[in-house]
Amino acid sequence: ENLGSQIVEFEVSANQERLQRTEKEQMLIQKKSSLKQCMTRLW
């Protein structure tokens, strides 16, 4: 039973890390697109 709960905790933390990673990637994409918009405005 202890091992099972450890596995569940591990899966939960892995899912949380995956979510954080995708959020960071989304923010990066948004920053890149806004940067491109600024560059096109400058030209």
N, C-alpha and C. Protein backbone atom coordinates (compact mmCIF):
# COMPACT_ATOMS: atom_id res chain seq x y z
N GLU A 1 0.84 -1.21 0.00
CA GLU A 1 0.00 0.00 0.00
C GLU A 1 0.87 1.26 0.00
N ASN A 2 1.95 1.21 0.77
CA ASN A 2 2.85 2.36 0.83
C ASN A 2 3.46 2.64 -0.54
N LEU A 3 3.86 1.57 -1.22
CA LEU A 3 4.45 1.73 -2.55
C LEU A 3 3.44 2.33 -3.52
N GLY A 4 2.20 1.88 -3.43
CA GLY A 4 1.17 2.41 -4.31
C GLY A 4 0.97 3.90 -4.13
N SER A 5 0.93 4.35 -2.87
CA SER A 5 0.75 5.78 -2.62
C SER A 5 1.96 6.57 -3.10
N GLN A 6 3.16 5.99 -2.97
CA GLN A 6 4.35 6.67 -3.47
C GLN A 6 4.28 6.83 -4.98
N ILE A 7 3.81 5.79 -5.67
CA ILE A 7 3.69 5.86 -7.12
C ILE A 7 2.70 6.95 -7.52
N VAL A 8 1.57 7.02 -6.80
CA VAL A 8 0.57 8.05 -7.10
C VAL A 8 1.16 9.43 -6.90
N GLU A 9 1.88 9.64 -5.80
CA GLU A 9 2.50 10.94 -5.54
C GLU A 9 3.49 11.28 -6.65
N PHE A 10 4.25 10.29 -7.09
CA PHE A 10 5.23 10.53 -8.15
C PHE A 10 4.54 10.95 -9.44
N GLU A 11 3.44 10.26 -9.78
CA GLU A 11 2.71 10.60 -10.99
C GLU A 11 2.12 12.00 -10.90
N VAL A 12 1.60 12.36 -9.74
CA VAL A 12 1.01 13.70 -9.56
C VAL A 12 2.08 14.77 -9.74
N SER A 13 3.24 14.58 -9.12
CA SER A 13 4.30 15.58 -9.24
C SER A 13 4.80 15.66 -10.68
N ALA A 14 4.86 14.52 -11.37
CA ALA A 14 5.29 14.53 -12.76
C ALA A 14 4.30 15.30 -13.61
N ASN A 15 3.00 15.11 -13.35
CA ASN A 15 1.98 15.86 -14.10
C ASN A 15 2.11 17.35 -13.84
N GLN A 16 2.36 17.74 -12.60
CA GLN A 16 2.50 19.15 -12.26
C GLN A 16 3.70 19.75 -12.99
N GLU A 17 4.82 19.03 -13.01
CA GLU A 17 6.01 19.52 -13.71
C GLU A 17 5.71 19.69 -15.19
N ARG A 18 4.97 18.73 -15.77
CA ARG A 18 4.64 18.81 -17.18
C ARG A 18 3.77 20.05 -17.45
N LEU A 19 2.80 20.30 -16.57
CA LEU A 19 1.94 21.47 -16.73
C LEU A 19 2.76 22.75 -16.66
N GLN A 20 3.66 22.84 -15.69
CA GLN A 20 4.49 24.04 -15.55
C GLN A 20 5.34 24.24 -16.80
N ARG A 21 5.87 23.14 -17.35
CA ARG A 21 6.70 23.24 -18.54
C ARG A 21 5.89 23.79 -19.71
N THR A 22 4.68 23.27 -19.91
CA THR A 22 3.86 23.75 -21.02
C THR A 22 3.48 25.21 -20.81
N GLU A 23 3.21 25.61 -19.57
CA GLU A 23 2.90 27.02 -19.30
C GLU A 23 4.08 27.90 -19.66
N LYS A 24 5.29 27.48 -19.30
CA LYS A 24 6.48 28.26 -19.63
C LYS A 24 6.65 28.35 -21.14
N GLU A 25 6.41 27.24 -21.85
CA GLU A 25 6.54 27.26 -23.30
C GLU A 25 5.52 28.20 -23.92
N GLN A 26 4.29 28.19 -23.39
CA GLN A 26 3.25 29.11 -23.89
C GLN A 26 3.69 30.56 -23.68
N MET A 27 4.21 30.88 -22.50
CA MET A 27 4.68 32.24 -22.23
C MET A 27 5.79 32.62 -23.19
N LEU A 28 6.70 31.68 -23.45
CA LEU A 28 7.81 31.94 -24.36
C LEU A 28 7.28 32.24 -25.76
N ILE A 29 6.30 31.46 -26.22
CA ILE A 29 5.71 31.67 -27.54
C ILE A 29 5.05 33.05 -27.60
N GLN A 30 4.32 33.42 -26.55
CA GLN A 30 3.67 34.73 -26.52
C GLN A 30 4.72 35.84 -26.58
N LYS A 31 5.79 35.71 -25.82
CA LYS A 31 6.83 36.73 -25.81
C LYS A 31 7.47 36.85 -27.19
N LYS A 32 7.72 35.71 -27.83
CA LYS A 32 8.32 35.74 -29.17
C LYS A 32 7.40 36.45 -30.15
N SER A 33 6.10 36.14 -30.10
CA SER A 33 5.17 36.76 -31.04
C SER A 33 5.06 38.25 -30.78
N SER A 34 5.02 38.67 -29.52
CA SER A 34 4.94 40.10 -29.22
C SER A 34 6.23 40.80 -29.65
N LEU A 35 7.36 40.11 -29.52
CA LEU A 35 8.63 40.67 -29.97
C LEU A 35 8.60 40.87 -31.48
N LYS A 36 8.06 39.88 -32.21
CA LYS A 36 7.96 40.01 -33.66
C LYS A 36 7.07 41.18 -34.03
N GLN A 37 5.97 41.37 -33.30
CA GLN A 37 5.08 42.50 -33.57
C GLN A 37 5.82 43.82 -33.37
N CYS A 38 6.60 43.92 -32.30
CA CYS A 38 7.37 45.14 -32.05
C CYS A 38 8.37 45.37 -33.18
N MET A 39 9.02 44.30 -33.64
CA MET A 39 9.99 44.44 -34.72
C MET A 39 9.32 44.93 -35.99
N THR A 40 8.15 44.38 -36.32
CA THR A 40 7.48 44.80 -37.55
C THR A 40 7.01 46.25 -37.43
N ARG A 41 6.65 46.69 -36.23
CA ARG A 41 6.24 48.09 -36.04
C ARG A 41 7.44 49.01 -36.24
N LEU A 42 8.61 48.55 -35.82
CA LEU A 42 9.81 49.39 -35.96
C LEU A 42 10.19 49.57 -37.42
N TRP A 43 9.99 48.55 -38.23
CA TRP A 43 10.42 48.65 -39.62
C TRP A 43 9.55 49.60 -40.40
